[in-house]
Amino acid sequence: MGYEYLIAGLPDLSLNSAAPMSVEALEALLDETLRDKDKEQLAKLKMHRTQGASAFVRDWIAFNRDLNNVLTAEVCRKHGLKVEKYIIGELPDEVEPEVKAVSKMDDLYERERRIDAIRFAWLEERTRMVNFSLENVLAYYLMNKMLNRWTPLTAEKGEAVFREMVADMKKDVRL
């Protein structure tokens, strides 16, 4: 038995709209609703732990790591930094053309929006053929969390955070 009633009762998500609920409200709902073993999977997802994690959680963590590595490598190359120092594991052998295109975008706000669109698409594709499962619940959690991240952000704030990160990376290189 899955999570038919939970999923049917959740508001729809769209990348172009505001989050329908806070992350805290969704976590409280999931804490009341999920079975204990499924709460463990949510915890592993939140902590990025693969040991004992479901295939969905492991695949999400790997997908996100590879996506972040590709994007990080591009920033490093652009600013003359050693790629190996800033990536986790290995760079993927094949990179989707869309990811390459996004990594080269100059508009930081739009780039972040497109990165989340790639993540959203992965989650939607991954859960397309499963209904009312824990995978659907976890994907919903991740999508809602992404939407919540955009609530306080503006293009200017995003640019400032990014510039600060690059400055920190450059500072580490000079040491």
N, C-alpha and C. Protein backbone atom coordinates (compact mmCIF):
# COMPACT_ATOMS: atom_id res chain seq x y z
N MET A 1 0.84 -1.19 0.00
CA MET A 1 0.00 0.00 0.00
C MET A 1 0.88 1.24 0.00
N GLY A 2 0.51 2.21 -0.80
CA GLY A 2 1.31 3.41 -0.95
C GLY A 2 0.75 4.58 -0.17
N TYR A 3 1.00 5.74 -0.72
CA TYR A 3 0.60 6.99 -0.07
C TYR A 3 -0.45 7.72 -0.92
N GLU A 4 -1.48 6.99 -1.32
CA GLU A 4 -2.51 7.54 -2.19
C GLU A 4 -3.16 8.79 -1.61
N TYR A 5 -3.61 8.72 -0.38
CA TYR A 5 -4.32 9.84 0.23
C TYR A 5 -3.40 11.04 0.46
N LEU A 6 -2.18 10.77 0.89
CA LEU A 6 -1.23 11.85 1.11
C LEU A 6 -0.96 12.59 -0.20
N ILE A 7 -0.60 11.86 -1.23
CA ILE A 7 -0.21 12.48 -2.50
C ILE A 7 -1.40 13.17 -3.15
N ALA A 8 -2.57 12.53 -3.11
CA ALA A 8 -3.76 13.14 -3.70
C ALA A 8 -4.14 14.44 -2.99
N GLY A 9 -3.79 14.56 -1.73
CA GLY A 9 -4.15 15.75 -0.97
C GLY A 9 -3.13 16.88 -1.03
N LEU A 10 -1.98 16.63 -1.63
CA LEU A 10 -0.94 17.66 -1.71
C LEU A 10 -1.23 18.63 -2.85
N PRO A 11 -0.97 19.91 -2.66
CA PRO A 11 -1.17 20.88 -3.75
C PRO A 11 -0.19 20.61 -4.89
N ASP A 12 -0.59 20.95 -6.10
CA ASP A 12 0.28 20.79 -7.26
C ASP A 12 1.49 21.71 -7.16
N LEU A 13 2.58 21.27 -7.77
CA LEU A 13 3.80 22.07 -7.80
C LEU A 13 4.10 22.46 -9.23
N SER A 14 4.58 23.68 -9.39
CA SER A 14 5.02 24.16 -10.69
C SER A 14 6.26 25.00 -10.46
N LEU A 15 7.25 24.79 -11.30
CA LEU A 15 8.51 25.52 -11.16
C LEU A 15 8.30 27.03 -11.28
N ASN A 16 7.24 27.43 -11.95
CA ASN A 16 7.00 28.86 -12.17
C ASN A 16 6.04 29.47 -11.17
N SER A 17 5.78 28.77 -10.07
CA SER A 17 4.89 29.33 -9.06
C SER A 17 5.54 29.21 -7.69
N ALA A 18 4.94 29.85 -6.72
CA ALA A 18 5.46 29.84 -5.35
C ALA A 18 5.22 28.48 -4.71
N ALA A 19 6.01 28.18 -3.72
CA ALA A 19 5.83 26.94 -2.96
C ALA A 19 4.49 26.99 -2.24
N PRO A 20 3.72 25.90 -2.30
CA PRO A 20 2.41 25.92 -1.66
C PRO A 20 2.46 25.81 -0.14
N MET A 21 3.61 25.37 0.39
CA MET A 21 3.76 25.28 1.85
C MET A 21 5.23 25.37 2.20
N SER A 22 5.50 25.72 3.42
CA SER A 22 6.88 25.83 3.87
C SER A 22 7.49 24.43 3.99
N VAL A 23 8.79 24.38 3.99
CA VAL A 23 9.48 23.11 4.16
C VAL A 23 9.13 22.53 5.53
N GLU A 24 9.06 23.38 6.54
CA GLU A 24 8.74 22.92 7.90
C GLU A 24 7.33 22.33 7.97
N ALA A 25 6.37 22.95 7.31
CA ALA A 25 4.99 22.43 7.31
C ALA A 25 4.93 21.08 6.61
N LEU A 26 5.65 20.95 5.50
CA LEU A 26 5.66 19.67 4.78
C LEU A 26 6.36 18.60 5.62
N GLU A 27 7.46 18.96 6.25
CA GLU A 27 8.15 17.99 7.11
C GLU A 27 7.26 17.53 8.26
N ALA A 28 6.49 18.43 8.85
CA ALA A 28 5.57 18.06 9.92
C ALA A 28 4.50 17.10 9.40
N LEU A 29 3.96 17.39 8.22
CA LEU A 29 2.96 16.50 7.62
C LEU A 29 3.55 15.12 7.34
N LEU A 30 4.75 15.09 6.81
CA LEU A 30 5.40 13.82 6.50
C LEU A 30 5.73 13.05 7.78
N ASP A 31 6.10 13.76 8.83
CA ASP A 31 6.39 13.12 10.10
C ASP A 31 5.15 12.42 10.65
N GLU A 32 3.99 13.02 10.44
CA GLU A 32 2.73 12.42 10.90
C GLU A 32 2.28 11.27 10.01
N THR A 33 2.66 11.29 8.74
CA THR A 33 2.07 10.40 7.75
C THR A 33 2.96 9.21 7.36
N LEU A 34 4.25 9.43 7.25
CA LEU A 34 5.13 8.38 6.74
C LEU A 34 5.32 7.25 7.75
N ARG A 35 5.51 6.05 7.20
CA ARG A 35 5.89 4.91 8.03
C ARG A 35 7.32 5.14 8.53
N ASP A 36 7.67 4.50 9.64
CA ASP A 36 9.00 4.70 10.23
C ASP A 36 10.12 4.42 9.24
N LYS A 37 10.03 3.31 8.49
CA LYS A 37 11.10 2.98 7.55
C LYS A 37 11.20 4.02 6.43
N ASP A 38 10.08 4.64 6.09
CA ASP A 38 10.09 5.68 5.06
C ASP A 38 10.61 7.00 5.61
N LYS A 39 10.37 7.25 6.90
CA LYS A 39 10.96 8.43 7.55
C LYS A 39 12.49 8.32 7.52
N GLU A 40 13.00 7.10 7.65
CA GLU A 40 14.45 6.89 7.59
C GLU A 40 14.99 7.27 6.21
N GLN A 41 14.23 6.96 5.16
CA GLN A 41 14.67 7.31 3.81
C GLN A 41 14.66 8.83 3.62
N LEU A 42 13.65 9.49 4.17
CA LEU A 42 13.61 10.96 4.11
C LEU A 42 14.81 11.55 4.85
N ALA A 43 15.13 10.98 5.99
CA ALA A 43 16.28 11.46 6.75
C ALA A 43 17.57 11.27 5.97
N LYS A 44 17.72 10.14 5.31
CA LYS A 44 18.92 9.88 4.50
C LYS A 44 18.99 10.88 3.34
N LEU A 45 17.85 11.17 2.75
CA LEU A 45 17.79 12.15 1.66
C LEU A 45 18.23 13.52 2.15
N LYS A 46 17.71 13.94 3.29
CA LYS A 46 18.04 15.25 3.84
C LYS A 46 19.50 15.35 4.23
N MET A 47 20.10 14.25 4.68
CA MET A 47 21.50 14.26 5.12
C MET A 47 22.46 13.83 4.01
N HIS A 48 21.92 13.52 2.83
CA HIS A 48 22.74 13.07 1.70
C HIS A 48 23.53 11.81 2.05
N ARG A 49 22.87 10.86 2.67
CA ARG A 49 23.49 9.59 3.07
C ARG A 49 23.04 8.49 2.13
N THR A 50 23.99 7.77 1.56
CA THR A 50 23.63 6.70 0.63
C THR A 50 23.61 5.32 1.30
N GLN A 51 24.31 5.16 2.40
CA GLN A 51 24.35 3.86 3.05
C GLN A 51 22.95 3.50 3.56
N GLY A 52 22.43 2.38 3.08
CA GLY A 52 21.11 1.92 3.47
C GLY A 52 19.98 2.70 2.82
N ALA A 53 20.30 3.56 1.88
CA ALA A 53 19.29 4.38 1.22
C ALA A 53 18.65 3.61 0.07
N SER A 54 17.45 4.01 -0.27
CA SER A 54 16.73 3.41 -1.40
C SER A 54 17.43 3.80 -2.71
N ALA A 55 17.08 3.10 -3.78
CA ALA A 55 17.66 3.41 -5.09
C ALA A 55 17.34 4.85 -5.49
N PHE A 56 16.14 5.32 -5.19
CA PHE A 56 15.77 6.69 -5.52
C PHE A 56 16.69 7.69 -4.82
N VAL A 57 16.89 7.50 -3.54
CA VAL A 57 17.74 8.43 -2.77
C VAL A 57 19.17 8.38 -3.29
N ARG A 58 19.70 7.18 -3.52
CA ARG A 58 21.07 7.06 -4.05
C ARG A 58 21.19 7.72 -5.42
N ASP A 59 20.19 7.48 -6.28
CA ASP A 59 20.24 8.06 -7.63
C ASP A 59 20.14 9.58 -7.59
N TRP A 60 19.29 10.13 -6.71
CA TRP A 60 19.17 11.59 -6.58
C TRP A 60 20.49 12.19 -6.12
N ILE A 61 21.09 11.57 -5.12
CA ILE A 61 22.35 12.10 -4.59
C ILE A 61 23.43 12.05 -5.67
N ALA A 62 23.50 10.96 -6.43
CA ALA A 62 24.48 10.84 -7.51
C ALA A 62 24.21 11.86 -8.62
N PHE A 63 22.95 12.01 -9.00
CA PHE A 63 22.59 12.98 -10.03
C PHE A 63 22.98 14.39 -9.61
N ASN A 64 22.63 14.75 -8.40
CA ASN A 64 22.93 16.08 -7.89
C ASN A 64 24.44 16.31 -7.77
N ARG A 65 25.16 15.30 -7.30
CA ARG A 65 26.63 15.41 -7.20
C ARG A 65 27.23 15.64 -8.58
N ASP A 66 26.81 14.83 -9.57
CA ASP A 66 27.35 14.98 -10.92
C ASP A 66 27.01 16.34 -11.51
N LEU A 67 25.78 16.79 -11.31
CA LEU A 67 25.38 18.10 -11.82
C LEU A 67 26.22 19.20 -11.17
N ASN A 68 26.36 19.14 -9.88
CA ASN A 68 27.17 20.15 -9.16
C ASN A 68 28.63 20.09 -9.58
N ASN A 69 29.16 18.89 -9.81
CA ASN A 69 30.55 18.76 -10.25
C ASN A 69 30.77 19.42 -11.61
N VAL A 70 29.85 19.19 -12.54
CA VAL A 70 29.98 19.80 -13.87
C VAL A 70 29.95 21.31 -13.76
N LEU A 71 29.01 21.82 -12.98
CA LEU A 71 28.88 23.27 -12.82
C LEU A 71 30.09 23.87 -12.10
N THR A 72 30.57 23.18 -11.09
CA THR A 72 31.74 23.63 -10.34
C THR A 72 32.99 23.63 -11.23
N ALA A 73 33.13 22.59 -12.03
CA ALA A 73 34.28 22.49 -12.94
C ALA A 73 34.30 23.67 -13.91
N GLU A 74 33.14 24.05 -14.41
CA GLU A 74 33.07 25.17 -15.35
C GLU A 74 33.48 26.47 -14.67
N VAL A 75 33.01 26.69 -13.45
CA VAL A 75 33.38 27.90 -12.70
C VAL A 75 34.89 27.90 -12.44
N CYS A 76 35.43 26.76 -12.06
CA CYS A 76 36.87 26.67 -11.80
C CYS A 76 37.67 27.00 -13.05
N ARG A 77 37.28 26.42 -14.18
CA ARG A 77 38.00 26.69 -15.43
C ARG A 77 37.93 28.17 -15.79
N LYS A 78 36.75 28.75 -15.61
CA LYS A 78 36.55 30.15 -15.96
C LYS A 78 37.43 31.08 -15.12
N HIS A 79 37.69 30.68 -13.87
CA HIS A 79 38.45 31.54 -12.96
C HIS A 79 39.87 31.04 -12.70
N GLY A 80 40.32 30.06 -13.50
CA GLY A 80 41.69 29.59 -13.39
C GLY A 80 41.99 28.79 -12.13
N LEU A 81 41.01 28.10 -11.59
CA LEU A 81 41.20 27.31 -10.37
C LEU A 81 41.36 25.83 -10.73
N LYS A 82 41.99 25.08 -9.84
CA LYS A 82 42.17 23.64 -10.06
C LYS A 82 40.84 22.92 -9.85
N VAL A 83 40.35 22.30 -10.89
CA VAL A 83 39.05 21.61 -10.85
C VAL A 83 39.05 20.52 -9.79
N GLU A 84 40.11 19.73 -9.75
CA GLU A 84 40.17 18.56 -8.84
C GLU A 84 39.98 18.94 -7.37
N LYS A 85 40.37 20.14 -7.03
CA LYS A 85 40.29 20.57 -5.65
C LYS A 85 38.85 20.82 -5.19
N TYR A 86 37.95 21.11 -6.14
CA TYR A 86 36.62 21.55 -5.78
C TYR A 86 35.49 20.60 -6.15
N ILE A 87 35.80 19.49 -6.77
CA ILE A 87 34.74 18.54 -7.10
C ILE A 87 34.78 17.35 -6.14
N ILE A 88 33.67 16.66 -6.05
CA ILE A 88 33.55 15.48 -5.20
C ILE A 88 33.54 14.27 -6.10
N GLY A 89 34.51 13.39 -5.94
CA GLY A 89 34.58 12.20 -6.79
C GLY A 89 35.11 12.57 -8.16
N GLU A 90 34.46 12.02 -9.16
CA GLU A 90 34.88 12.21 -10.54
C GLU A 90 33.86 13.02 -11.32
N LEU A 91 34.32 13.66 -12.36
CA LEU A 91 33.39 14.31 -13.28
C LEU A 91 32.72 13.23 -14.12
N PRO A 92 31.44 13.37 -14.43
CA PRO A 92 30.78 12.36 -15.27
C PRO A 92 31.39 12.34 -16.67
N ASP A 93 31.41 11.15 -17.28
CA ASP A 93 31.96 11.02 -18.63
C ASP A 93 31.13 11.78 -19.66
N GLU A 94 29.81 11.68 -19.52
CA GLU A 94 28.93 12.34 -20.46
C GLU A 94 28.15 13.43 -19.74
N VAL A 95 28.02 14.56 -20.39
CA VAL A 95 27.28 15.69 -19.82
C VAL A 95 26.19 16.07 -20.81
N GLU A 96 24.98 16.20 -20.30
CA GLU A 96 23.85 16.60 -21.14
C GLU A 96 24.14 17.97 -21.76
N PRO A 97 23.79 18.16 -23.02
CA PRO A 97 24.02 19.47 -23.67
C PRO A 97 23.37 20.62 -22.91
N GLU A 98 22.19 20.37 -22.33
CA GLU A 98 21.50 21.42 -21.57
C GLU A 98 22.32 21.86 -20.36
N VAL A 99 22.97 20.89 -19.69
CA VAL A 99 23.79 21.22 -18.53
C VAL A 99 25.01 22.03 -18.96
N LYS A 100 25.62 21.64 -20.07
CA LYS A 100 26.76 22.41 -20.58
C LYS A 100 26.35 23.84 -20.91
N ALA A 101 25.20 23.98 -21.55
CA ALA A 101 24.72 25.32 -21.92
C ALA A 101 24.46 26.16 -20.67
N VAL A 102 23.83 25.57 -19.68
CA VAL A 102 23.53 26.30 -18.44
C VAL A 102 24.81 26.71 -17.74
N SER A 103 25.82 25.84 -17.75
CA SER A 103 27.06 26.13 -17.03
C SER A 103 27.79 27.34 -17.62
N LYS A 104 27.49 27.68 -18.84
CA LYS A 104 28.17 28.80 -19.50
C LYS A 104 27.36 30.10 -19.44
N MET A 105 26.19 30.07 -18.84
CA MET A 105 25.35 31.27 -18.77
C MET A 105 25.98 32.32 -17.87
N ASP A 106 25.91 33.58 -18.28
CA ASP A 106 26.45 34.67 -17.49
C ASP A 106 25.45 35.20 -16.46
N ASP A 107 24.18 35.16 -16.78
CA ASP A 107 23.15 35.65 -15.87
C ASP A 107 22.98 34.62 -14.75
N LEU A 108 23.51 34.94 -13.58
CA LEU A 108 23.55 33.99 -12.47
C LEU A 108 22.17 33.60 -11.97
N TYR A 109 21.27 34.54 -11.92
CA TYR A 109 19.91 34.27 -11.46
C TYR A 109 19.22 33.28 -12.41
N GLU A 110 19.31 33.58 -13.69
CA GLU A 110 18.69 32.71 -14.69
C GLU A 110 19.36 31.35 -14.72
N ARG A 111 20.67 31.32 -14.52
CA ARG A 111 21.37 30.03 -14.49
C ARG A 111 20.86 29.17 -13.34
N GLU A 112 20.70 29.75 -12.17
CA GLU A 112 20.18 28.99 -11.03
C GLU A 112 18.76 28.48 -11.30
N ARG A 113 17.95 29.32 -11.93
CA ARG A 113 16.58 28.89 -12.28
C ARG A 113 16.62 27.70 -13.23
N ARG A 114 17.53 27.76 -14.20
CA ARG A 114 17.63 26.66 -15.18
C ARG A 114 18.18 25.40 -14.54
N ILE A 115 19.09 25.54 -13.59
CA ILE A 115 19.60 24.37 -12.87
C ILE A 115 18.47 23.69 -12.11
N ASP A 116 17.65 24.48 -11.44
CA ASP A 116 16.51 23.90 -10.74
C ASP A 116 15.52 23.28 -11.72
N ALA A 117 15.39 23.85 -12.91
CA ALA A 117 14.51 23.26 -13.93
C ALA A 117 15.04 21.88 -14.35
N ILE A 118 16.36 21.75 -14.43
CA ILE A 118 16.96 20.45 -14.75
C ILE A 118 16.66 19.46 -13.64
N ARG A 119 16.80 19.90 -12.41
CA ARG A 119 16.50 19.02 -11.26
C ARG A 119 15.02 18.63 -11.25
N PHE A 120 14.16 19.60 -11.47
CA PHE A 120 12.72 19.35 -11.50
C PHE A 120 12.40 18.30 -12.57
N ALA A 121 12.97 18.48 -13.77
CA ALA A 121 12.72 17.55 -14.87
C ALA A 121 13.19 16.14 -14.52
N TRP A 122 14.35 16.04 -13.87
CA TRP A 122 14.85 14.72 -13.46
C TRP A 122 13.86 14.06 -12.51
N LEU A 123 13.39 14.82 -11.52
CA LEU A 123 12.44 14.27 -10.54
C LEU A 123 11.13 13.87 -11.20
N GLU A 124 10.63 14.69 -12.10
CA GLU A 124 9.38 14.36 -12.79
C GLU A 124 9.54 13.10 -13.65
N GLU A 125 10.65 13.02 -14.36
CA GLU A 125 10.90 11.84 -15.20
C GLU A 125 11.04 10.59 -14.35
N ARG A 126 11.76 10.71 -13.26
CA ARG A 126 12.02 9.56 -12.38
C ARG A 126 10.74 9.01 -11.74
N THR A 127 9.76 9.88 -11.50
CA THR A 127 8.54 9.44 -10.82
C THR A 127 7.35 9.30 -11.76
N ARG A 128 7.58 9.44 -13.04
CA ARG A 128 6.49 9.38 -14.02
C ARG A 128 5.75 8.05 -14.01
N MET A 129 6.47 6.97 -13.85
CA MET A 129 5.86 5.64 -13.97
C MET A 129 5.51 5.01 -12.62
N VAL A 130 5.74 5.72 -11.55
CA VAL A 130 5.37 5.19 -10.23
C VAL A 130 4.30 6.11 -9.65
N ASN A 131 3.30 5.53 -9.06
CA ASN A 131 2.21 6.32 -8.51
C ASN A 131 2.04 6.05 -7.03
N PHE A 132 1.88 7.10 -6.28
CA PHE A 132 1.55 7.01 -4.86
C PHE A 132 2.61 6.27 -4.04
N SER A 133 3.84 6.35 -4.48
CA SER A 133 4.92 5.64 -3.79
C SER A 133 5.75 6.61 -2.94
N LEU A 134 6.65 6.04 -2.19
CA LEU A 134 7.57 6.88 -1.41
C LEU A 134 8.40 7.74 -2.35
N GLU A 135 8.75 7.23 -3.53
CA GLU A 135 9.50 8.03 -4.50
C GLU A 135 8.75 9.32 -4.83
N ASN A 136 7.43 9.22 -5.03
CA ASN A 136 6.63 10.41 -5.31
C ASN A 136 6.68 11.39 -4.14
N VAL A 137 6.61 10.87 -2.93
CA VAL A 137 6.64 11.72 -1.73
C VAL A 137 7.99 12.42 -1.63
N LEU A 138 9.07 11.67 -1.83
CA LEU A 138 10.41 12.26 -1.72
C LEU A 138 10.65 13.29 -2.83
N ALA A 139 10.19 12.99 -4.04
CA ALA A 139 10.32 13.95 -5.14
C ALA A 139 9.54 15.22 -4.83
N TYR A 140 8.35 15.08 -4.29
CA TYR A 140 7.54 16.24 -3.91
C TYR A 140 8.27 17.07 -2.86
N TYR A 141 8.84 16.39 -1.90
CA TYR A 141 9.60 17.10 -0.85
C TYR A 141 10.73 17.93 -1.48
N LEU A 142 11.49 17.31 -2.39
CA LEU A 142 12.61 18.01 -3.01
C LEU A 142 12.14 19.18 -3.87
N MET A 143 11.08 18.99 -4.63
CA MET A 143 10.56 20.07 -5.47
C MET A 143 10.04 21.22 -4.61
N ASN A 144 9.31 20.90 -3.57
CA ASN A 144 8.80 21.94 -2.67
C ASN A 144 9.95 22.71 -2.02
N LYS A 145 11.00 21.99 -1.67
CA LYS A 145 12.16 22.63 -1.06
C LYS A 145 12.82 23.59 -2.05
N MET A 146 12.92 23.18 -3.32
CA MET A 146 13.48 24.07 -4.34
C MET A 146 12.63 25.34 -4.48
N LEU A 147 11.32 25.17 -4.52
CA LEU A 147 10.43 26.33 -4.67
C LEU A 147 10.56 27.26 -3.47
N ASN A 148 10.70 26.71 -2.30
CA ASN A 148 10.88 27.53 -1.10
C ASN A 148 12.18 28.32 -1.14
N ARG A 149 13.18 27.75 -1.76
CA ARG A 149 14.48 28.44 -1.86
C ARG A 149 14.36 29.73 -2.66
N TRP A 150 13.44 29.76 -3.62
CA TRP A 150 13.31 30.92 -4.49
C TRP A 150 12.52 32.06 -3.84
N THR A 151 11.78 31.78 -2.80
CA THR A 151 10.93 32.80 -2.19
C THR A 151 11.71 34.06 -1.79
N PRO A 152 12.82 33.94 -1.06
CA PRO A 152 13.51 35.17 -0.65
C PRO A 152 14.57 35.67 -1.63
N LEU A 153 14.77 34.96 -2.73
CA LEU A 153 15.87 35.31 -3.63
C LEU A 153 15.50 36.36 -4.66
N THR A 154 16.46 37.17 -4.98
CA THR A 154 16.37 38.10 -6.09
C THR A 154 17.63 37.91 -6.93
N ALA A 155 17.62 38.43 -8.11
CA ALA A 155 18.80 38.31 -8.98
C ALA A 155 20.02 38.96 -8.31
N GLU A 156 19.82 40.09 -7.67
CA GLU A 156 20.93 40.80 -7.06
C GLU A 156 21.51 40.02 -5.88
N LYS A 157 20.64 39.46 -5.08
CA LYS A 157 21.10 38.69 -3.92
C LYS A 157 21.86 37.44 -4.38
N GLY A 158 21.35 36.78 -5.40
CA GLY A 158 22.01 35.60 -5.95
C GLY A 158 23.39 35.92 -6.49
N GLU A 159 23.48 37.03 -7.20
CA GLU A 159 24.77 37.48 -7.76
C GLU A 159 25.77 37.73 -6.63
N ALA A 160 25.33 38.36 -5.57
CA ALA A 160 26.22 38.67 -4.44
C ALA A 160 26.71 37.39 -3.77
N VAL A 161 25.82 36.44 -3.57
CA VAL A 161 26.22 35.17 -2.95
C VAL A 161 27.22 34.44 -3.83
N PHE A 162 26.95 34.40 -5.14
CA PHE A 162 27.86 33.72 -6.06
C PHE A 162 29.24 34.39 -6.05
N ARG A 163 29.28 35.69 -6.13
CA ARG A 163 30.56 36.40 -6.13
C ARG A 163 31.34 36.13 -4.84
N GLU A 164 30.63 36.04 -3.74
CA GLU A 164 31.26 35.74 -2.45
C GLU A 164 31.86 34.32 -2.47
N MET A 165 31.14 33.38 -3.06
CA MET A 165 31.64 32.00 -3.14
C MET A 165 32.91 31.94 -3.99
N VAL A 166 32.90 32.61 -5.13
CA VAL A 166 34.08 32.62 -6.00
C VAL A 166 35.26 33.28 -5.29
N ALA A 167 35.01 34.36 -4.59
CA ALA A 167 36.08 35.04 -3.85
C ALA A 167 36.66 34.11 -2.79
N ASP A 168 35.82 33.35 -2.10
CA ASP A 168 36.29 32.39 -1.10
C ASP A 168 37.14 31.31 -1.75
N MET A 169 36.71 30.84 -2.93
CA MET A 169 37.48 29.81 -3.63
C MET A 169 38.85 30.36 -4.02
N LYS A 170 38.89 31.59 -4.51
CA LYS A 170 40.16 32.21 -4.91
C LYS A 170 41.06 32.40 -3.70
N LYS A 171 40.47 32.76 -2.57
CA LYS A 171 41.24 32.95 -1.34
C LYS A 171 41.90 31.63 -0.93
N ASP A 172 41.17 30.52 -1.06
CA ASP A 172 41.71 29.21 -0.71
C ASP A 172 42.92 28.85 -1.60
N VAL A 173 42.88 29.27 -2.86
CA VAL A 173 43.95 28.96 -3.80
C VAL A 173 45.22 29.70 -3.42
N ARG A 174 45.09 30.91 -2.94
CA ARG A 174 46.26 31.74 -2.61
C ARG A 174 46.98 31.28 -1.35
N LEU A 175 46.31 30.49 -0.53
CA LEU A 175 46.93 30.08 0.76
C LEU A 175 48.11 29.16 0.55
